[in-house]
Every structure is written in structure tokens, then in C-alpha cells.
C-alpha atoms as a PDB file:
ATOM      1  CA  MET A   1      -6.494 142.323 -61.543  1.00  0.00           C
ATOM      2  CA  ARG A   2      -4.646 145.396 -62.798  1.00  0.00           C
ATOM      3  CA  ARG A   3      -6.796 147.591 -60.535  1.00  0.00           C
ATOM      4  CA  VAL A   4      -5.960 145.451 -57.480  1.00  0.00           C
ATOM      5  CA  CYS A   5      -2.215 145.579 -58.226  1.00  0.00           C
ATOM      6  CA  THR A   6      -2.327 149.327 -58.804  1.00  0.00           C
ATOM      7  CA  GLY A   7      -4.236 149.794 -55.549  1.00  0.00           C
ATOM      8  CA  LEU A   8      -1.699 147.735 -53.616  1.00  0.00           C
ATOM      9  CA  LEU A   9       1.202 149.699 -55.097  1.00  0.00           C
ATOM     10  CA  ILE A  10      -0.436 152.993 -54.114  1.00  0.00           C
ATOM     11  CA  LEU A  11      -0.996 151.736 -50.560  1.00  0.00           C
ATOM     12  CA  LEU A  12       2.595 150.545 -50.258  1.00  0.00           C
ATOM     13  CA  ALA A  13       3.981 153.799 -51.635  1.00  0.00           C
ATOM     14  CA  ALA A  14       1.862 155.849 -49.227  1.00  0.00           C
ATOM     15  CA  ALA A  15       2.933 153.758 -46.216  1.00  0.00           C
ATOM     16  CA  ALA A  16       6.656 153.702 -46.966  1.00  0.00           C
ATOM     17  CA  PRO A  17       7.570 157.307 -46.014  1.00  0.00           C
ATOM     18  CA  CYS A  18       5.701 157.023 -42.719  1.00  0.00           C
ATOM     19  CA  SER A  19       7.361 153.714 -41.871  1.00  0.00           C
ATOM     20  CA  ALA A  20      10.803 155.050 -42.713  1.00  0.00           C
ATOM     21  CA  ALA A  21      10.235 158.087 -40.482  1.00  0.00           C
ATOM     22  CA  ASP A  22       8.934 155.886 -37.661  1.00  0.00           C
ATOM     23  CA  HIS A  23      11.948 153.587 -37.968  1.00  0.00           C
ATOM     24  CA  THR A  24      14.341 156.541 -37.881  1.00  0.00           C
ATOM     25  CA  ALA A  25      12.622 157.991 -34.807  1.00  0.00           C
ATOM     26  CA  ASP A  26      12.603 154.611 -33.034  1.00  0.00           C
ATOM     27  CA  ALA A  27      16.266 153.977 -33.873  1.00  0.00           C
ATOM     28  CA  SER A  28      17.242 157.414 -32.543  1.00  0.00           C
ATOM     29  CA  LYS A  29      15.205 156.830 -29.388  1.00  0.00           C
ATOM     30  CA  LEU A  30      16.823 153.445 -28.784  1.00  0.00           C
ATOM     31  CA  ILE A  31      20.326 154.881 -29.177  1.00  0.00           C
ATOM     32  CA  ALA A  32      19.373 157.634 -26.704  1.00  0.00           C
ATOM     33  CA  LEU A  33      18.126 154.968 -24.279  1.00  0.00           C
ATOM     34  CA  GLU A  34      21.427 153.077 -24.606  1.00  0.00           C
ATOM     35  CA  ASN A  35      23.280 156.321 -23.785  1.00  0.00           C
ATOM     36  CA  ALA A  36      20.963 156.932 -20.820  1.00  0.00           C
ATOM     37  CA  TRP A  37      21.808 153.411 -19.626  1.00  0.00           C
ATOM     38  CA  ASN A  38      25.534 154.265 -19.687  1.00  0.00           C
ATOM     39  CA  LEU A  39      24.912 157.454 -17.698  1.00  0.00           C
ATOM     40  CA  ALA A  40      22.746 155.603 -15.172  1.00  0.00           C
ATOM     41  CA  GLN A  41      25.500 153.027 -14.628  1.00  0.00           C
ATOM     42  CA  THR A  42      28.213 155.640 -14.065  1.00  0.00           C
ATOM     43  CA  THR A  43      25.998 157.584 -11.631  1.00  0.00           C
ATOM     44  CA  LYS A  44      24.572 154.435  -9.961  1.00  0.00           C
ATOM     45  CA  ASP A  45      21.054 155.631 -10.791  1.00  0.00           C
ATOM     46  CA  ALA A  46      19.057 152.504  -9.964  1.00  0.00           C
ATOM     47  CA  LYS A  47      15.712 154.230 -10.592  1.00  0.00           C
ATOM     48  CA  ALA A  48      16.687 155.112 -14.171  1.00  0.00           C
ATOM     49  CA  LEU A  49      17.964 151.575 -14.786  1.00  0.00           C
ATOM     50  CA  ASN A  50      14.816 150.131 -13.193  1.00  0.00           C
ATOM     51  CA  ASP A  51      12.738 152.085 -15.715  1.00  0.00           C
ATOM     52  CA  LEU A  52      14.958 151.074 -18.654  1.00  0.00           C
ATOM     53  CA  VAL A  53      14.784 147.320 -18.081  1.00  0.00           C
ATOM     54  CA  GLY A  54      11.700 145.095 -18.033  1.00  0.00           C
ATOM     55  CA  GLU A  55      10.467 143.135 -15.031  1.00  0.00           C
ATOM     56  CA  ARG A  56      11.720 139.830 -16.477  1.00  0.00           C
ATOM     57  CA  PHE A  57      15.019 141.348 -17.664  1.00  0.00           C
ATOM     58  CA  LEU A  58      17.873 138.879 -18.142  1.00  0.00           C
ATOM     59  CA  TYR A  59      21.523 139.987 -18.267  1.00  0.00           C
ATOM     60  CA  THR A  60      24.507 137.895 -19.312  1.00  0.00           C
ATOM     61  CA  ASP A  61      27.780 139.431 -18.076  1.00  0.00           C
ATOM     62  CA  THR A  62      31.202 139.139 -19.667  1.00  0.00           C
ATOM     63  CA  ASP A  63      32.161 136.238 -17.395  1.00  0.00           C
ATOM     64  CA  GLY A  64      29.035 134.265 -18.302  1.00  0.00           C
ATOM     65  CA  THR A  65      27.126 135.148 -15.129  1.00  0.00           C
ATOM     66  CA  ILE A  66      23.384 135.390 -15.725  1.00  0.00           C
ATOM     67  CA  MET A  67      21.474 137.938 -13.649  1.00  0.00           C
ATOM     68  CA  THR A  68      17.824 138.768 -13.167  1.00  0.00           C
ATOM     69  CA  LYS A  69      16.684 142.384 -12.954  1.00  0.00           C
ATOM     70  CA  ALA A  70      17.067 142.411  -9.160  1.00  0.00           C
ATOM     71  CA  ALA A  71      20.586 140.952  -9.298  1.00  0.00           C
ATOM     72  CA  PHE A  72      21.612 143.348 -12.088  1.00  0.00           C
ATOM     73  CA  LEU A  73      20.386 146.398 -10.162  1.00  0.00           C
ATOM     74  CA  ALA A  74      22.111 145.179  -6.980  1.00  0.00           C
ATOM     75  CA  ASP A  75      25.364 144.653  -8.908  1.00  0.00           C
ATOM     76  CA  VAL A  76      25.287 148.187 -10.324  1.00  0.00           C
ATOM     77  CA  GLN A  77      24.590 149.644  -6.866  1.00  0.00           C
ATOM     78  CA  SER A  78      27.279 147.572  -5.150  1.00  0.00           C
ATOM     79  CA  PRO A  79      30.008 149.711  -3.557  1.00  0.00           C
ATOM     80  CA  SER A  80      32.570 147.269  -4.985  1.00  0.00           C
ATOM     81  CA  TYR A  81      31.647 148.340  -8.557  1.00  0.00           C
ATOM     82  CA  LEU A  82      32.378 151.873  -9.740  1.00  0.00           C
ATOM     83  CA  ALA A  83      32.167 152.722 -13.432  1.00  0.00           C
ATOM     84  CA  THR A  84      33.803 156.074 -14.095  1.00  0.00           C
ATOM     85  CA  SER A  85      33.048 156.183 -17.825  1.00  0.00           C
ATOM     86  CA  ALA A  86      30.922 154.244 -20.283  1.00  0.00           C
ATOM     87  CA  SER A  87      30.377 154.859 -23.977  1.00  0.00           C
ATOM     88  CA  ASN A  88      29.137 153.062 -27.074  1.00  0.00           C
ATOM     89  CA  ASP A  89      30.084 153.213 -30.733  1.00  0.00           C
ATOM     90  CA  ASP A  90      29.445 151.280 -33.927  1.00  0.00           C
ATOM     91  CA  VAL A  91      25.811 150.915 -32.808  1.00  0.00           C
ATOM     92  CA  LEU A  92      23.368 149.101 -35.085  1.00  0.00           C
ATOM     93  CA  VAL A  93      19.590 149.050 -34.582  1.00  0.00           C
ATOM     94  CA  PHE A  94      17.403 146.312 -36.064  1.00  0.00           C
ATOM     95  CA  LEU A  95      13.709 147.174 -35.743  1.00  0.00           C
ATOM     96  CA  TYR A  96      10.795 144.742 -35.824  1.00  0.00           C
ATOM     97  CA  ASP A  97       7.097 145.284 -35.077  1.00  0.00           C
ATOM     98  CA  THR A  98       7.173 145.145 -31.286  1.00  0.00           C
ATOM     99  CA  PHE A  99      10.853 144.669 -30.504  1.00  0.00           C
ATOM    100  CA  ALA A 100      14.317 145.784 -31.550  1.00  0.00           C
ATOM    101  CA  ILE A 101      17.842 144.451 -31.347  1.00  0.00           C
ATOM    102  CA  VAL A 102      20.577 146.984 -30.611  1.00  0.00           C
ATOM    103  CA  ALA A 103      24.187 145.854 -30.993  1.00  0.00           C
ATOM    104  CA  GLY A 104      27.441 147.730 -30.776  1.00  0.00           C
ATOM    105  CA  ARG A 105      30.797 148.192 -29.116  1.00  0.00           C
ATOM    106  CA  TYR A 106      31.234 149.576 -25.627  1.00  0.00           C
ATOM    107  CA  HIS A 107      34.123 150.983 -23.601  1.00  0.00           C
ATOM    108  CA  THR A 108      33.842 151.086 -19.815  1.00  0.00           C
ATOM    109  CA  LYS A 109      36.426 152.151 -17.237  1.00  0.00           C
ATOM    110  CA  GLY A 110      36.310 152.005 -13.475  1.00  0.00           C
ATOM    111  CA  THR A 111      37.178 149.868 -10.489  1.00  0.00           C
ATOM    112  CA  TYR A 112      35.815 146.591  -9.210  1.00  0.00           C
ATOM    113  CA  ARG A 113      36.740 145.419  -5.711  1.00  0.00           C
ATOM    114  CA  GLY A 114      39.463 148.030  -5.646  1.00  0.00           C
ATOM    115  CA  ARG A 115      41.057 146.901  -8.904  1.00  0.00           C
ATOM    116  CA  PRO A 116      40.927 149.059 -12.031  1.00  0.00           C
ATOM    117  CA  PHE A 117      39.313 147.775 -15.198  1.00  0.00           C
ATOM    118  CA  ASP A 118      39.275 149.057 -18.754  1.00  0.00           C
ATOM    119  CA  HIS A 119      36.786 147.026 -20.815  1.00  0.00           C
ATOM    120  CA  HIS A 120      36.305 147.074 -24.551  1.00  0.00           C
ATOM    121  CA  GLY A 121      33.546 144.770 -25.663  1.00  0.00           C
ATOM    122  CA  ARG A 122      30.424 144.062 -27.658  1.00  0.00           C
ATOM    123  CA  PHE A 123      26.836 144.196 -26.481  1.00  0.00           C
ATOM    124  CA  THR A 124      23.536 142.923 -27.823  1.00  0.00           C
ATOM    125  CA  ASP A 125      20.377 144.304 -26.221  1.00  0.00           C
ATOM    126  CA  THR A 126      16.822 143.187 -26.954  1.00  0.00           C
ATOM    127  CA  TRP A 127      14.219 145.926 -26.478  1.00  0.00           C
ATOM    128  CA  GLN A 128      10.447 145.482 -26.353  1.00  0.00           C
ATOM    129  CA  ARG A 129       8.004 148.224 -27.345  1.00  0.00           C
ATOM    130  CA  ARG A 130       5.466 148.955 -24.618  1.00  0.00           C
ATOM    131  CA  GLY A 131       3.037 151.525 -26.030  1.00  0.00           C
ATOM    132  CA  ASP A 132       5.184 154.542 -26.907  1.00  0.00           C
ATOM    133  CA  ASN A 133       8.049 153.373 -24.677  1.00  0.00           C
ATOM    134  CA  TRP A 134      10.816 150.810 -24.956  1.00  0.00           C
ATOM    135  CA  GLN A 135      12.206 148.519 -22.251  1.00  0.00           C
ATOM    136  CA  CYS A 136      15.250 146.287 -22.487  1.00  0.00           C
ATOM    137  CA  VAL A 137      14.299 142.670 -21.793  1.00  0.00           C
ATOM    138  CA  ALA A 138      17.684 141.010 -22.383  1.00  0.00           C
ATOM    139  CA  SER A 139      21.299 142.127 -22.580  1.00  0.00           C
ATOM    140  CA  HIS A 140      24.457 140.209 -23.397  1.00  0.00           C
ATOM    141  CA  THR A 141      28.010 141.554 -23.160  1.00  0.00           C
ATOM    142  CA  SER A 142      31.298 140.035 -24.196  1.00  0.00           C
ATOM    143  CA  LEU A 143      34.829 141.343 -23.848  1.00  0.00           C
ATOM    144  CA  LEU A 144      37.080 141.886 -26.824  1.00  0.00           C
ATOM    145  CA  ALA A 145      40.561 140.363 -26.647  1.00  0.00           C
ATOM    146  CA  ASN A 146      42.335 143.559 -25.530  1.00  0.00           C
ATOM    147  CA  SER A 147      40.251 144.024 -22.334  1.00  0.00           C
ATOM    148  CA  ASN A 148      41.123 143.033 -18.805  1.00  0.00           C
ATOM    149  CA  ALA A 149      38.643 140.850 -16.947  1.00  0.00           C
ATOM    150  CA  ARG A 150      36.476 142.164 -14.136  1.00  0.00           C
END
């Protein structure tokens, strides 16, 4: 019994540094992907957003509207929506075997239907690992009290 316990402890100790490094690399990659998402929205880069989100992507907007991938991409490309800046802070990454939850605060400025907006809110994104890559499969945003509605 002692030999089995000792063997298990050695295996766990050997695996821990690798797992910690993998988690750090994955967390950094996911934060970079979130930043790439912001850039793609401000530049209306539908190809980049298409690659970032999964085929069955589901988005819940600040007003409660639910959009599929196609509707989300069309909304970002719409001439009535123009984000001039987008940034995240207070980002937390929760890693699991084949998926991750990324949550944080966002700040977006721009115009919608000719009216300016300045949004401060929270987001929760669910990412799925696909081989060495990650794709967002669900995103939810909500405005904080000091934001104006879109």
C-alpha cells in the first residue's frame, strides 16, 4: 500500500509543473483571443470573428437579444454599428479539460444608428478547445449601471 501511495504522489508531483505551465499558456492565449475579438469588432473584420467563434455560436446581447453566428457577424458588419474602441480589464480565466470560461469587464465606444454609445459592462465567454485552437461557442454581455443603452 505504501508503495502505491508513494507512486501516486510521484506521478502527481511530476504532472503538476506541466499542467501549471499548460494552464498559464492557455490562459494567456485566451486573453489574446479576447483582445483579437475586440480588434476585429472595431475594424469590422468578419473573417477574424468567423474564425474566433464556433459554427453553433450563441450570443446574448446587452438588451437580451439572442443571436446565432450568422446574425452576430451580420450585426458587426452592419453600417449602422461602428465601434471605435473596445477594451477589456479585470479578466478571469477558468480552465477545464476541453473548455474555458473567460469573464471580465469591457468598455466599448462608438455609434449605433447615428447615436453615440459608451458602454461599460461585463462579459462571460465560453471557449471550446479544438485541437491546439480555441473557439468561442457562447458569449453573454450585460451593461453596468453607468452605461447608456444601444
